[in-house]
PDB file of all heavy atoms in Angstrom:
ATOM      1  N   ARG A   1      90.259 -14.885 -17.564  1.00  0.00           N
ATOM      2  CA  ARG A   1      91.434 -14.444 -16.800  1.00  0.00           C
ATOM      3  C   ARG A   1      91.011 -13.932 -15.426  1.00  0.00           C
ATOM      4  O   ARG A   1      91.648 -14.234 -14.411  1.00  0.00           O
ATOM      5  CB  ARG A   1      92.170 -13.345 -17.563  1.00  0.00           C
ATOM      6  CG  ARG A   1      93.442 -12.838 -16.863  1.00  0.00           C
ATOM      7  CD  ARG A   1      94.110 -11.753 -17.690  1.00  0.00           C
ATOM      8  NE  ARG A   1      95.349 -11.307 -17.086  1.00  0.00           N
ATOM      9  CZ  ARG A   1      95.427 -10.392 -16.147  1.00  0.00           C
ATOM     10  NH1 ARG A   1      94.318  -9.840 -15.679  1.00  0.00           N
ATOM     11  NH2 ARG A   1      96.597 -10.030 -15.636  1.00  0.00           N
ATOM     12  N   PHE A   2      89.925 -13.166 -15.401  1.00  0.00           N
ATOM     13  CA  PHE A   2      89.392 -12.661 -14.143  1.00  0.00           C
ATOM     14  C   PHE A   2      89.013 -13.807 -13.221  1.00  0.00           C
ATOM     15  O   PHE A   2      89.319 -13.796 -12.028  1.00  0.00           O
ATOM     16  CB  PHE A   2      88.170 -11.773 -14.422  1.00  0.00           C
ATOM     17  CG  PHE A   2      87.426 -11.335 -13.187  1.00  0.00           C
ATOM     18  CD1 PHE A   2      87.796 -10.192 -12.510  1.00  0.00           C
ATOM     19  CD2 PHE A   2      86.365 -12.081 -12.700  1.00  0.00           C
ATOM     20  CE1 PHE A   2      87.118  -9.792 -11.374  1.00  0.00           C
ATOM     21  CE2 PHE A   2      85.676 -11.691 -11.567  1.00  0.00           C
ATOM     22  CZ  PHE A   2      86.063 -10.540 -10.899  1.00  0.00           C
ATOM     23  N   VAL A   3      88.346 -14.815 -13.773  1.00  0.00           N
ATOM     24  CA  VAL A   3      87.893 -15.946 -12.965  1.00  0.00           C
ATOM     25  C   VAL A   3      89.084 -16.723 -12.405  1.00  0.00           C
ATOM     26  O   VAL A   3      89.064 -17.163 -11.254  1.00  0.00           O
ATOM     27  CB  VAL A   3      86.975 -16.866 -13.794  1.00  0.00           C
ATOM     28  CG1 VAL A   3      86.664 -18.147 -13.035  1.00  0.00           C
ATOM     29  CG2 VAL A   3      85.682 -16.138 -14.130  1.00  0.00           C
ATOM     30  N   CYS A   4      90.126 -16.901 -13.206  1.00  0.00           N
ATOM     31  CA  CYS A   4      91.310 -17.626 -12.725  1.00  0.00           C
ATOM     32  C   CYS A   4      91.931 -16.931 -11.526  1.00  0.00           C
ATOM     33  O   CYS A   4      92.240 -17.563 -10.511  1.00  0.00           O
ATOM     34  CB  CYS A   4      92.333 -17.762 -13.853  1.00  0.00           C
ATOM     35  SG  CYS A   4      91.858 -18.902 -15.160  1.00  0.00           S
ATOM     36  N   PHE A   5      92.109 -15.606 -11.624  1.00  0.00           N
ATOM     37  CA  PHE A   5      92.652 -14.845 -10.499  1.00  0.00           C
ATOM     38  C   PHE A   5      91.704 -14.886  -9.305  1.00  0.00           C
ATOM     39  O   PHE A   5      92.138 -14.965  -8.151  1.00  0.00           O
ATOM     40  CB  PHE A   5      92.913 -13.390 -10.903  1.00  0.00           C
ATOM     41  CG  PHE A   5      94.256 -13.149 -11.509  1.00  0.00           C
ATOM     42  CD1 PHE A   5      94.386 -12.651 -12.783  1.00  0.00           C
ATOM     43  CD2 PHE A   5      95.413 -13.423 -10.797  1.00  0.00           C
ATOM     44  CE1 PHE A   5      95.623 -12.427 -13.350  1.00  0.00           C
ATOM     45  CE2 PHE A   5      96.670 -13.198 -11.341  1.00  0.00           C
ATOM     46  CZ  PHE A   5      96.774 -12.705 -12.628  1.00  0.00           C
ATOM     47  N   THR A   6      90.391 -14.834  -9.566  1.00  0.00           N
ATOM     48  CA  THR A   6      89.411 -14.833  -8.483  1.00  0.00           C
ATOM     49  C   THR A   6      89.389 -16.170  -7.749  1.00  0.00           C
ATOM     50  O   THR A   6      89.357 -16.215  -6.511  1.00  0.00           O
ATOM     51  CB  THR A   6      88.007 -14.510  -9.030  1.00  0.00           C
ATOM     52  OG1 THR A   6      88.019 -13.207  -9.623  1.00  0.00           O
ATOM     53  CG2 THR A   6      86.972 -14.544  -7.914  1.00  0.00           C
ATOM     54  N   ILE A   7      89.403 -17.264  -8.515  1.00  0.00           N
ATOM     55  CA  ILE A   7      89.422 -18.587  -7.884  1.00  0.00           C
ATOM     56  C   ILE A   7      90.675 -18.736  -7.020  1.00  0.00           C
ATOM     57  O   ILE A   7      90.602 -19.222  -5.880  1.00  0.00           O
ATOM     58  CB  ILE A   7      89.373 -19.692  -8.957  1.00  0.00           C
ATOM     59  CG1 ILE A   7      87.997 -19.696  -9.632  1.00  0.00           C
ATOM     60  CG2 ILE A   7      89.654 -21.064  -8.340  1.00  0.00           C
ATOM     61  CD1 ILE A   7      87.891 -20.665 -10.791  1.00  0.00           C
ATOM     62  N   TYR A   8      91.801 -18.318  -7.559  1.00  0.00           N
ATOM     63  CA  TYR A   8      93.057 -18.375  -6.803  1.00  0.00           C
ATOM     64  C   TYR A   8      92.954 -17.544  -5.516  1.00  0.00           C
ATOM     65  O   TYR A   8      93.351 -17.992  -4.432  1.00  0.00           O
ATOM     66  CB  TYR A   8      94.197 -17.876  -7.683  1.00  0.00           C
ATOM     67  CG  TYR A   8      95.487 -17.626  -6.955  1.00  0.00           C
ATOM     68  CD1 TYR A   8      96.168 -18.648  -6.294  1.00  0.00           C
ATOM     69  CD2 TYR A   8      96.061 -16.356  -6.952  1.00  0.00           C
ATOM     70  CE1 TYR A   8      97.365 -18.407  -5.626  1.00  0.00           C
ATOM     71  CE2 TYR A   8      97.248 -16.111  -6.294  1.00  0.00           C
ATOM     72  CZ  TYR A   8      97.897 -17.139  -5.638  1.00  0.00           C
ATOM     73  OH  TYR A   8      99.075 -16.897  -4.982  1.00  0.00           O
ATOM     74  N   SER A   9      92.398 -16.347  -5.640  1.00  0.00           N
ATOM     75  CA  SER A   9      92.255 -15.473  -4.477  1.00  0.00           C
ATOM     76  C   SER A   9      91.324 -16.075  -3.432  1.00  0.00           C
ATOM     77  O   SER A   9      91.621 -16.051  -2.231  1.00  0.00           O
ATOM     78  CB  SER A   9      91.719 -14.103  -4.920  1.00  0.00           C
ATOM     79  OG  SER A   9      91.442 -13.282  -3.809  1.00  0.00           O
ATOM     80  N   VAL A  10      90.190 -16.633  -3.875  1.00  0.00           N
ATOM     81  CA  VAL A  10      89.225 -17.220  -2.945  1.00  0.00           C
ATOM     82  C   VAL A  10      89.825 -18.433  -2.230  1.00  0.00           C
ATOM     83  O   VAL A  10      89.606 -18.628  -1.027  1.00  0.00           O
ATOM     84  CB  VAL A  10      87.933 -17.606  -3.685  1.00  0.00           C
ATOM     85  CG1 VAL A  10      87.009 -18.432  -2.795  1.00  0.00           C
ATOM     86  CG2 VAL A  10      87.205 -16.354  -4.160  1.00  0.00           C
ATOM     87  N   VAL A  11      90.591 -19.248  -2.962  1.00  0.00           N
ATOM     88  CA  VAL A  11      91.216 -20.417  -2.348  1.00  0.00           C
ATOM     89  C   VAL A  11      92.218 -19.990  -1.276  1.00  0.00           C
ATOM     90  O   VAL A  11      92.235 -20.530  -0.160  1.00  0.00           O
ATOM     91  CB  VAL A  11      91.910 -21.295  -3.418  1.00  0.00           C
ATOM     92  CG1 VAL A  11      92.779 -22.362  -2.753  1.00  0.00           C
ATOM     93  CG2 VAL A  11      90.878 -21.945  -4.319  1.00  0.00           C
ATOM     94  N   VAL A  12      93.054 -18.999  -1.604  1.00  0.00           N
ATOM     95  CA  VAL A  12      94.035 -18.499  -0.631  1.00  0.00           C
ATOM     96  C   VAL A  12      93.326 -17.859   0.558  1.00  0.00           C
ATOM     97  O   VAL A  12      93.718 -18.054   1.717  1.00  0.00           O
ATOM     98  CB  VAL A  12      95.002 -17.489  -1.282  1.00  0.00           C
ATOM     99  CG1 VAL A  12      95.933 -16.885  -0.236  1.00  0.00           C
ATOM    100  CG2 VAL A  12      95.817 -18.167  -2.373  1.00  0.00           C
ATOM    101  N   LEU A  13      92.267 -17.084   0.281  1.00  0.00           N
ATOM    102  CA  LEU A  13      91.500 -16.461   1.356  1.00  0.00           C
ATOM    103  C   LEU A  13      90.874 -17.507   2.262  1.00  0.00           C
ATOM    104  O   LEU A  13      90.927 -17.400   3.490  1.00  0.00           O
ATOM    105  CB  LEU A  13      90.419 -15.555   0.760  1.00  0.00           C
ATOM    106  CG  LEU A  13      89.404 -14.959   1.744  1.00  0.00           C
ATOM    107  CD1 LEU A  13      90.105 -14.115   2.804  1.00  0.00           C
ATOM    108  CD2 LEU A  13      88.353 -14.137   0.997  1.00  0.00           C
ATOM    109  N   SER A  14      90.268 -18.529   1.665  1.00  0.00           N
ATOM    110  CA  SER A  14      89.637 -19.592   2.457  1.00  0.00           C
ATOM    111  C   SER A  14      90.673 -20.308   3.324  1.00  0.00           C
ATOM    112  O   SER A  14      90.417 -20.605   4.493  1.00  0.00           O
ATOM    113  CB  SER A  14      88.946 -20.597   1.521  1.00  0.00           C
ATOM    114  OG  SER A  14      87.941 -19.965   0.756  1.00  0.00           O
ATOM    115  N   PHE A  15      91.838 -20.575   2.738  1.00  0.00           N
ATOM    116  CA  PHE A  15      92.919 -21.214   3.493  1.00  0.00           C
ATOM    117  C   PHE A  15      93.386 -20.316   4.643  1.00  0.00           C
ATOM    118  O   PHE A  15      93.615 -20.791   5.765  1.00  0.00           O
ATOM    119  CB  PHE A  15      94.087 -21.525   2.559  1.00  0.00           C
ATOM    120  CG  PHE A  15      95.273 -22.141   3.245  1.00  0.00           C
ATOM    121  CD1 PHE A  15      95.264 -23.474   3.630  1.00  0.00           C
ATOM    122  CD2 PHE A  15      96.399 -21.372   3.513  1.00  0.00           C
ATOM    123  CE1 PHE A  15      96.362 -24.036   4.266  1.00  0.00           C
ATOM    124  CE2 PHE A  15      97.497 -21.925   4.155  1.00  0.00           C
ATOM    125  CZ  PHE A  15      97.482 -23.265   4.531  1.00  0.00           C
ATOM    126  N   SER A  16      93.498 -19.012   4.374  1.00  0.00           N
ATOM    127  CA  SER A  16      93.937 -18.064   5.404  1.00  0.00           C
ATOM    128  C   SER A  16      92.939 -17.990   6.552  1.00  0.00           C
ATOM    129  O   SER A  16      93.324 -17.948   7.732  1.00  0.00           O
ATOM    130  CB  SER A  16      94.132 -16.674   4.785  1.00  0.00           C
ATOM    131  OG  SER A  16      95.098 -16.698   3.767  1.00  0.00           O
ATOM    132  N   LEU A  17      91.654 -17.952   6.209  1.00  0.00           N
ATOM    133  CA  LEU A  17      90.629 -17.900   7.249  1.00  0.00           C
ATOM    134  C   LEU A  17      90.651 -19.156   8.117  1.00  0.00           C
ATOM    135  O   LEU A  17      90.255 -19.114   9.287  1.00  0.00           O
ATOM    136  CB  LEU A  17      89.251 -17.738   6.597  1.00  0.00           C
ATOM    137  CG  LEU A  17      88.963 -16.375   5.941  1.00  0.00           C
ATOM    138  CD1 LEU A  17      87.663 -16.431   5.147  1.00  0.00           C
ATOM    139  CD2 LEU A  17      88.899 -15.269   6.983  1.00  0.00           C
ATOM    140  N   LYS A  18      91.111 -20.267   7.530  1.00  0.00           N
ATOM    141  CA  LYS A  18      91.137 -21.528   8.266  1.00  0.00           C
ATOM    142  C   LYS A  18      92.359 -21.637   9.186  1.00  0.00           C
ATOM    143  O   LYS A  18      92.260 -22.150  10.304  1.00  0.00           O
ATOM    144  CB  LYS A  18      91.125 -22.704   7.286  1.00  0.00           C
ATOM    145  CG  LYS A  18      91.053 -24.076   7.947  1.00  0.00           C
ATOM    146  CD  LYS A  18      90.939 -25.168   6.914  1.00  0.00           C
ATOM    147  CE  LYS A  18      90.857 -26.551   7.563  1.00  0.00           C
ATOM    148  NZ  LYS A  18      89.671 -26.690   8.422  1.00  0.00           N
ATOM    149  N   VAL A  19      93.512 -21.141   8.725  1.00  0.00           N
ATOM    150  CA  VAL A  19      94.761 -21.354   9.475  1.00  0.00           C
ATOM    151  C   VAL A  19      95.120 -20.196  10.395  1.00  0.00           C
ATOM    152  O   VAL A  19      95.833 -20.392  11.391  1.00  0.00           O
ATOM    153  CB  VAL A  19      95.945 -21.632   8.515  1.00  0.00           C
ATOM    154  CG1 VAL A  19      95.666 -22.877   7.691  1.00  0.00           C
ATOM    155  CG2 VAL A  19      96.227 -20.443   7.614  1.00  0.00           C
ATOM    156  N   ILE A  20      94.665 -18.985  10.082  1.00  0.00           N
ATOM    157  CA  ILE A  20      94.986 -17.843  10.952  1.00  0.00           C
ATOM    158  C   ILE A  20      94.087 -17.894  12.183  1.00  0.00           C
ATOM    159  O   ILE A  20      92.861 -17.935  12.073  1.00  0.00           O
ATOM    160  CB  ILE A  20      94.788 -16.509  10.208  1.00  0.00           C
ATOM    161  CG1 ILE A  20      95.777 -16.397   9.047  1.00  0.00           C
ATOM    162  CG2 ILE A  20      94.978 -15.333  11.170  1.00  0.00           C
ATOM    163  CD1 ILE A  20      95.587 -15.167   8.194  1.00  0.00           C
ATOM    164  N   PRO A  21      94.675 -17.904  13.373  1.00  0.00           N
ATOM    165  CA  PRO A  21      93.866 -17.993  14.607  1.00  0.00           C
ATOM    166  C   PRO A  21      92.918 -16.805  14.749  1.00  0.00           C
ATOM    167  O   PRO A  21      93.278 -15.671  14.416  1.00  0.00           O
ATOM    168  CB  PRO A  21      94.921 -17.993  15.722  1.00  0.00           C
ATOM    169  CG  PRO A  21      96.201 -18.372  15.052  1.00  0.00           C
ATOM    170  CD  PRO A  21      96.119 -17.854  13.648  1.00  0.00           C
ATOM    171  N   ILE A  22      91.721 -17.083  15.231  1.00  0.00           N
ATOM    172  CA  ILE A  22      90.768 -16.008  15.514  1.00  0.00           C
ATOM    173  C   ILE A  22      91.116 -15.446  16.889  1.00  0.00           C
ATOM    174  O   ILE A  22      90.761 -16.012  17.928  1.00  0.00           O
ATOM    175  CB  ILE A  22      89.324 -16.536  15.475  1.00  0.00           C
ATOM    176  CG1 ILE A  22      88.997 -17.080  14.086  1.00  0.00           C
ATOM    177  CG2 ILE A  22      88.337 -15.432  15.859  1.00  0.00           C
ATOM    178  CD1 ILE A  22      87.623 -17.697  13.960  1.00  0.00           C
ATOM    179  N   HIS A  23      91.830 -14.343  16.863  1.00  0.00           N
ATOM    180  CA  HIS A  23      92.311 -13.753  18.118  1.00  0.00           C
ATOM    181  C   HIS A  23      92.383 -12.240  17.949  1.00  0.00           C
ATOM    182  O   HIS A  23      92.974 -11.742  16.994  1.00  0.00           O
ATOM    183  CB  HIS A  23      93.689 -14.310  18.471  1.00  0.00           C
ATOM    184  CG  HIS A  23      94.283 -13.698  19.701  1.00  0.00           C
ATOM    185  ND1 HIS A  23      93.823 -13.989  20.963  1.00  0.00           N
ATOM    186  CD2 HIS A  23      95.296 -12.803  19.852  1.00  0.00           C
ATOM    187  CE1 HIS A  23      94.534 -13.307  21.854  1.00  0.00           C
ATOM    188  NE2 HIS A  23      95.429 -12.578  21.195  1.00  0.00           N
ATOM    189  N   ALA A  24      91.781 -11.514  18.888  1.00  0.00           N
ATOM    190  CA  ALA A  24      91.736 -10.052  18.799  1.00  0.00           C
ATOM    191  C   ALA A  24      93.104  -9.447  19.081  1.00  0.00           C
ATOM    192  O   ALA A  24      93.732  -9.758  20.096  1.00  0.00           O
ATOM    193  CB  ALA A  24      90.704  -9.496  19.767  1.00  0.00           C
ATOM    194  N   ILE A  25      93.565  -8.580  18.190  1.00  0.00           N
ATOM    195  CA  ILE A  25      94.807  -7.847  18.431  1.00  0.00           C
ATOM    196  C   ILE A  25      94.550  -6.687  19.386  1.00  0.00           C
ATOM    197  O   ILE A  25      95.386  -6.353  20.220  1.00  0.00           O
ATOM    198  CB  ILE A  25      95.394  -7.339  17.096  1.00  0.00           C
ATOM    199  CG1 ILE A  25      95.944  -8.518  16.285  1.00  0.00           C
ATOM    200  CG2 ILE A  25      96.482  -6.305  17.320  1.00  0.00           C
ATOM    201  CD1 ILE A  25      96.571  -8.114  14.978  1.00  0.00           C
ATOM    202  N   SER A  26      93.368  -6.067  19.250  1.00  0.00           N
ATOM    203  CA  SER A  26      92.999  -4.941  20.103  1.00  0.00           C
ATOM    204  C   SER A  26      91.640  -5.198  20.730  1.00  0.00           C
ATOM    205  O   SER A  26      90.741  -5.761  20.096  1.00  0.00           O
ATOM    206  CB  SER A  26      92.969  -3.650  19.287  1.00  0.00           C
ATOM    207  OG  SER A  26      92.421  -2.580  20.038  1.00  0.00           O
ATOM    208  N   ASN A  27      91.476  -4.780  21.971  1.00  0.00           N
ATOM    209  CA  ASN A  27      90.193  -4.904  22.655  1.00  0.00           C
ATOM    210  C   ASN A  27      89.264  -3.726  22.359  1.00  0.00           C
ATOM    211  O   ASN A  27      88.108  -3.736  22.762  1.00  0.00           O
ATOM    212  CB  ASN A  27      90.411  -5.013  24.169  1.00  0.00           C
ATOM    213  CG  ASN A  27      91.097  -6.316  24.549  1.00  0.00           C
ATOM    214  OD1 ASN A  27      90.849  -7.358  23.941  1.00  0.00           O
ATOM    215  ND2 ASN A  27      91.968  -6.260  25.549  1.00  0.00           N
ATOM    216  N   ASP A  28      89.793  -2.720  21.660  1.00  0.00           N
ATOM    217  CA  ASP A  28      89.009  -1.543  21.298  1.00  0.00           C
ATOM    218  C   ASP A  28      88.217  -1.844  20.033  1.00  0.00           C
ATOM    219  O   ASP A  28      88.782  -1.988  18.953  1.00  0.00           O
ATOM    220  CB  ASP A  28      89.948  -0.346  21.071  1.00  0.00           C
ATOM    221  CG  ASP A  28      89.183   0.965  20.920  1.00  0.00           C
ATOM    222  OD1 ASP A  28      88.077   0.939  20.335  1.00  0.00           O
ATOM    223  OD2 ASP A  28      89.687   2.004  21.384  1.00  0.00           O
ATOM    224  N   ILE A  29      86.896  -1.928  20.144  1.00  0.00           N
ATOM    225  CA  ILE A  29      86.071  -2.321  19.011  1.00  0.00           C
ATOM    226  C   ILE A  29      86.056  -1.249  17.922  1.00  0.00           C
ATOM    227  O   ILE A  29      86.023  -1.559  16.724  1.00  0.00           O
ATOM    228  CB  ILE A  29      84.631  -2.660  19.484  1.00  0.00           C
ATOM    229  CG1 ILE A  29      83.826  -3.252  18.315  1.00  0.00           C
ATOM    230  CG2 ILE A  29      83.943  -1.437  20.063  1.00  0.00           C
ATOM    231  CD1 ILE A  29      82.474  -3.783  18.728  1.00  0.00           C
ATOM    232  N   LEU A  30      86.096   0.032  18.303  1.00  0.00           N
ATOM    233  CA  LEU A  30      86.111   1.106  17.308  1.00  0.00           C
ATOM    234  C   LEU A  30      87.399   1.067  16.497  1.00  0.00           C
ATOM    235  O   LEU A  30      87.381   1.149  15.261  1.00  0.00           O
ATOM    236  CB  LEU A  30      85.948   2.463  17.991  1.00  0.00           C
ATOM    237  CG  LEU A  30      86.022   3.685  17.063  1.00  0.00           C
ATOM    238  CD1 LEU A  30      84.928   3.611  15.996  1.00  0.00           C
ATOM    239  CD2 LEU A  30      85.915   4.980  17.865  1.00  0.00           C
ATOM    240  N   LEU A  31      88.519   0.937  17.185  1.00  0.00           N
ATOM    241  CA  LEU A  31      89.807   0.860  16.505  1.00  0.00           C
ATOM    242  C   LEU A  31      89.868  -0.368  15.598  1.00  0.00           C
ATOM    243  O   LEU A  31      90.372  -0.299  14.469  1.00  0.00           O
ATOM    244  CB  LEU A  31      90.941   0.808  17.540  1.00  0.00           C
ATOM    245  CG  LEU A  31      92.373   0.791  16.988  1.00  0.00           C
ATOM    246  CD1 LEU A  31      92.655   2.069  16.209  1.00  0.00           C
ATOM    247  CD2 LEU A  31      93.371   0.632  18.134  1.00  0.00           C
ATOM    248  N   SER A  32      89.333  -1.483  16.069  1.00  0.00           N
ATOM    249  CA  SER A  32      89.342  -2.710  15.272  1.00  0.00           C
ATOM    250  C   SER A  32      88.486  -2.566  14.019  1.00  0.00           C
ATOM    251  O   SER A  32      88.855  -3.072  12.949  1.00  0.00           O
ATOM    252  CB  SER A  32      88.828  -3.884  16.113  1.00  0.00           C
ATOM    253  OG  SER A  32      89.711  -4.165  17.174  1.00  0.00           O
ATOM    254  N   SER A  33      87.340  -1.888  14.127  1.00  0.00           N
ATOM    255  CA  SER A  33      86.470  -1.706  12.963  1.00  0.00           C
ATOM    256  C   SER A  33      87.146  -0.828  11.910  1.00  0.00           C
ATOM    257  O   SER A  33      87.037  -1.102  10.705  1.00  0.00           O
ATOM    258  CB  SER A  33      85.131  -1.096  13.387  1.00  0.00           C
ATOM    259  OG  SER A  33      85.307   0.216  13.914  1.00  0.00           O
ATOM    260  N   ILE A  34      87.866   0.197  12.347  1.00  0.00           N
ATOM    261  CA  ILE A  34      88.530   1.093  11.401  1.00  0.00           C
ATOM    262  C   ILE A  34      89.730   0.414  10.743  1.00  0.00           C
ATOM    263  O   ILE A  34      89.864   0.410   9.516  1.00  0.00           O
ATOM    264  CB  ILE A  34      88.980   2.398  12.110  1.00  0.00           C
ATOM    265  CG1 ILE A  34      87.750   3.191  12.575  1.00  0.00           C
ATOM    266  CG2 ILE A  34      89.834   3.243  11.173  1.00  0.00           C
ATOM    267  CD1 ILE A  34      88.086   4.399  13.420  1.00  0.00           C
ATOM    268  N   ILE A  35      90.607  -0.171  11.569  1.00  0.00           N
ATOM    269  CA  ILE A  35      91.811  -0.815  11.026  1.00  0.00           C
ATOM    270  C   ILE A  35      91.444  -2.041  10.208  1.00  0.00           C
ATOM    271  O   ILE A  35      91.979  -2.256   9.108  1.00  0.00           O
ATOM    272  CB  ILE A  35      92.773  -1.204  12.156  1.00  0.00           C
ATOM    273  CG1 ILE A  35      93.211   0.039  12.944  1.00  0.00           C
ATOM    274  CG2 ILE A  35      93.998  -1.923  11.590  1.00  0.00           C
ATOM    275  CD1 ILE A  35      93.922   1.077  12.105  1.00  0.00           C
ATOM    276  N   GLY A  36      90.521  -2.851  10.727  1.00  0.00           N
ATOM    277  CA  GLY A  36      90.099  -4.042   9.994  1.00  0.00           C
ATOM    278  C   GLY A  36      89.471  -3.693   8.655  1.00  0.00           C
ATOM    279  O   GLY A  36      89.776  -4.305   7.622  1.00  0.00           O
ATOM    280  N   GLY A  37      88.586  -2.691   8.645  1.00  0.00           N
ATOM    281  CA  GLY A  37      87.960  -2.264   7.399  1.00  0.00           C
ATOM    282  C   GLY A  37      88.973  -1.726   6.408  1.00  0.00           C
ATOM    283  O   GLY A  37      88.908  -2.024   5.211  1.00  0.00           O
ATOM    284  N   ALA A  38      89.930  -0.933   6.901  1.00  0.00           N
ATOM    285  CA  ALA A  38      90.945  -0.370   6.014  1.00  0.00           C
ATOM    286  C   ALA A  38      91.824  -1.459   5.408  1.00  0.00           C
ATOM    287  O   ALA A  38      92.119  -1.441   4.202  1.00  0.00           O
ATOM    288  CB  ALA A  38      91.811   0.629   6.783  1.00  0.00           C
ATOM    289  N   LEU A  39      92.230  -2.431   6.219  1.00  0.00           N
ATOM    290  CA  LEU A  39      93.119  -3.490   5.726  1.00  0.00           C
ATOM    291  C   LEU A  39      92.439  -4.352   4.666  1.00  0.00           C
ATOM    292  O   LEU A  39      93.009  -4.630   3.609  1.00  0.00           O
ATOM    293  CB  LEU A  39      93.601  -4.365   6.887  1.00  0.00           C
ATOM    294  CG  LEU A  39      94.632  -3.735   7.831  1.00  0.00           C
ATOM    295  CD1 LEU A  39      94.974  -4.703   8.960  1.00  0.00           C
ATOM    296  CD2 LEU A  39      95.892  -3.341   7.072  1.00  0.00           C
ATOM    297  N   TYR A  40      91.205  -4.774   4.942  1.00  0.00           N
ATOM    298  CA  TYR A  40      90.579  -5.643   3.952  1.00  0.00           C
ATOM    299  C   TYR A  40      90.122  -4.845   2.735  1.00  0.00           C
ATOM    300  O   TYR A  40      90.076  -5.362   1.616  1.00  0.00           O
ATOM    301  CB  TYR A  40      89.482  -6.503   4.571  1.00  0.00           C
ATOM    302  CG  TYR A  40      88.061  -6.014   4.518  1.00  0.00           C
ATOM    303  CD1 TYR A  40      87.349  -6.028   3.328  1.00  0.00           C
ATOM    304  CD2 TYR A  40      87.402  -5.597   5.672  1.00  0.00           C
ATOM    305  CE1 TYR A  40      86.034  -5.616   3.281  1.00  0.00           C
ATOM    306  CE2 TYR A  40      86.084  -5.189   5.631  1.00  0.00           C
ATOM    307  CZ  TYR A  40      85.400  -5.194   4.430  1.00  0.00           C
ATOM    308  OH  TYR A  40      84.097  -4.788   4.396  1.00  0.00           O
ATOM    309  N   GLY A  41      89.844  -3.547   2.903  1.00  0.00           N
ATOM    310  CA  GLY A  41      89.515  -2.708   1.756  1.00  0.00           C
ATOM    311  C   GLY A  41      90.710  -2.517   0.836  1.00  0.00           C
ATOM    312  O   GLY A  41      90.589  -2.581  -0.396  1.00  0.00           O
TER     313      GLY A  41
END
């Protein structure tokens, strides 16, 4: 069951990384490290 959810999550994540444009929302690197870390955590 864990593997099924994980495979699904990895596939969606891989698709998201491919289709979401790589573009900075903020030019502040400190703010980006905090917000980015919090969101993915």
